[in-house]
Amino acid sequence: MEGKFQTSFIPKKSGGGQPSYVTPVRTINFFTLTIIIIFATVVLLSAGVYGYKWMLNRNNEEIKDELSAALDALRKENIAELGRLDSRIETGKTLLGEHVALSEFFTFLSKSTLQNVRFTNFRYSLTGDQKITVSMNGMARNFSSLALQIDEFSATTSQKYIKGPVFSSYSLDKAGNVSFVFTAVVNPESILYKELFKEEQ
């Protein structure tokens, strides 16, 4: 007798009678994953920007301190140099202001000496009170020429350059020439360099 087989496509319950459950696998949504990545990126970038800003601020403070120290040193050096320069300028002004130009006196002498009068030598002395005294030996063709020379040196225009002109030690030679000695005090204001500059301006 052929055996009978019963086929059924309906699963039979297990012997315990309880249904069996399969735990589902959880999957991460693509949108959620994208949000997480963006958030993490933003956090990292924010931290990086903050750190970079902090580093820049620190560097700026260090640079400011270095610049401030350099400027202070430069100011002190410049102040010292300017002080030395100012001292030299003032010394130069003093020396220039007190320096005399005898060439100006010689110009006056050449213009004021008459044709019939000549001077044979020139001496000058400077005293401690800046008083300049000149002394010259001279010779005039005659007494009339000497008198005219005395008038010339006594004139108001000559007083700008000389004060108290004195003619002395007259001597007459066989040819009628009169030798003499001339002394006077030079007005220092008339032969100072600064006065020459004023006239040029």
Foldseek 3Di string as FASTA:
>chain_A
DDDDDDDDPDDDDDPVNDDDDDDDDDDDDPVVVVVVVVVVVVVVVVVVVVVVVVVVVVVVVVVVVVVVVVVVVVVVVVVVVVVVVVVVVVVVCVCLQQDFACVLVVVVVVVLQDPQKDWDDKDWDADPVRKIKIKTKMKGQAVVSVVVSVVSCPDPVNVQFWPDKDWADWDADPNRMIIIMIMTITDRVSGRPVVVVVVVD
